[in-house]
Amino acid sequence: MDTIFDYKVTKLELEILSSCSPHTSIKDKEKYLKYCDIDTINADLYRLFTLRNEVDIAENYVKKIKDTQSISSLHFF
């Protein structure tokens, strides 16, 4: 399973993603993996690639989200 940490996420990107994420800080990879479910991970990947203006990749991750009711702020720009 891919996470934002597999895509060389920058410190600035982490700050932006943390500010719009519905869960706790995503700056610590171990805590992130421990507490996030697959839908949240895919939502964060969607946000990361949207932030990078890589729309096609972002769309691939948003399509993987099964429970969209549990994911808030998918569109954060």
Protein backbone atom coordinates (compact mmCIF):
# COMPACT_ATOMS: atom_id res chain seq x y z
CA MET A 1 0.00 0.00 0.00
CA ASP A 2 1.39 3.37 -1.05
CA THR A 3 1.36 6.35 1.30
CA ILE A 4 2.42 9.94 0.93
CA PHE A 5 5.76 8.93 2.43
CA ASP A 6 6.51 6.82 -0.65
CA TYR A 7 6.48 9.95 -2.83
CA LYS A 8 9.22 12.11 -1.27
CA VAL A 9 6.73 14.40 0.43
CA THR A 10 8.38 17.68 1.39
CA LYS A 11 8.20 19.45 4.73
CA LEU A 12 5.99 22.15 3.21
CA GLU A 13 3.67 19.56 1.67
CA LEU A 14 3.42 17.80 5.05
CA GLU A 15 2.46 21.07 6.72
CA ILE A 16 -0.22 21.77 4.11
CA LEU A 17 -1.58 18.21 4.22
CA SER A 18 -1.61 18.19 8.02
CA SER A 19 -3.58 21.41 8.10
CA CYS A 20 -6.40 20.01 5.94
CA SER A 21 -6.41 16.44 7.13
CA PRO A 22 -9.24 15.20 9.36
CA HIS A 23 -6.91 13.11 11.50
CA THR A 24 -3.93 13.88 13.71
CA SER A 25 -0.64 15.20 12.41
CA ILE A 26 0.79 13.20 9.54
CA LYS A 27 4.36 14.30 10.16
CA ASP A 28 5.28 11.07 11.96
CA LYS A 29 5.23 8.12 9.55
CA GLU A 30 4.91 5.42 12.24
CA LYS A 31 1.94 7.10 13.94
CA TYR A 32 0.39 7.81 10.57
CA LEU A 33 0.54 4.16 9.55
CA LYS A 34 -0.73 3.02 12.93
CA TYR A 35 -3.78 5.29 13.11
CA CYS A 36 -4.93 5.86 9.51
CA ASP A 37 -7.24 3.61 7.57
CA ILE A 38 -6.92 2.91 3.85
CA ASP A 39 -9.51 5.54 2.88
CA THR A 40 -7.65 8.25 4.78
CA ILE A 41 -4.35 7.19 3.21
CA ASN A 42 -5.90 7.34 -0.26
CA ALA A 43 -7.45 10.73 0.52
CA ASP A 44 -4.05 12.05 1.57
CA LEU A 45 -2.51 10.71 -1.64
CA TYR A 46 -5.28 12.45 -3.57
CA ARG A 47 -4.50 15.70 -1.72
CA LEU A 48 -0.75 15.34 -2.30
CA PHE A 49 -1.06 14.84 -6.04
CA THR A 50 -3.68 17.58 -6.32
CA LEU A 51 -1.27 19.89 -4.53
CA ARG A 52 1.40 18.91 -7.05
CA ASN A 53 -1.06 19.52 -9.90
CA GLU A 54 -0.84 15.88 -10.98
CA VAL A 55 -4.55 15.49 -11.56
CA ASP A 56 -4.48 12.11 -13.33
CA ILE A 57 -2.60 10.47 -10.47
CA ALA A 58 -4.83 12.20 -7.90
CA GLU A 59 -7.94 10.86 -9.60
CA ASN A 60 -6.60 7.31 -9.39
CA TYR A 61 -6.41 7.61 -5.60
CA VAL A 62 -9.79 9.28 -5.12
CA LYS A 63 -11.40 6.40 -7.02
CA LYS A 64 -10.01 3.97 -4.43
CA ILE A 65 -11.85 5.63 -1.54
CA LYS A 66 -14.75 3.42 -0.49
CA ASP A 67 -16.28 5.41 2.37
CA THR A 68 -16.38 9.01 1.18
CA GLN A 69 -18.62 9.97 4.11
CA SER A 70 -15.75 9.39 6.52
CA ILE A 71 -13.35 11.55 4.52
CA SER A 72 -13.85 15.28 4.88
CA SER A 73 -12.27 18.08 2.87
CA LEU A 74 -11.25 16.09 -0.17
CA HIS A 75 -11.19 19.31 -2.14
CA PHE A 76 -9.04 21.60 -0.06
CA PHE A 77 -8.00 24.23 -2.60
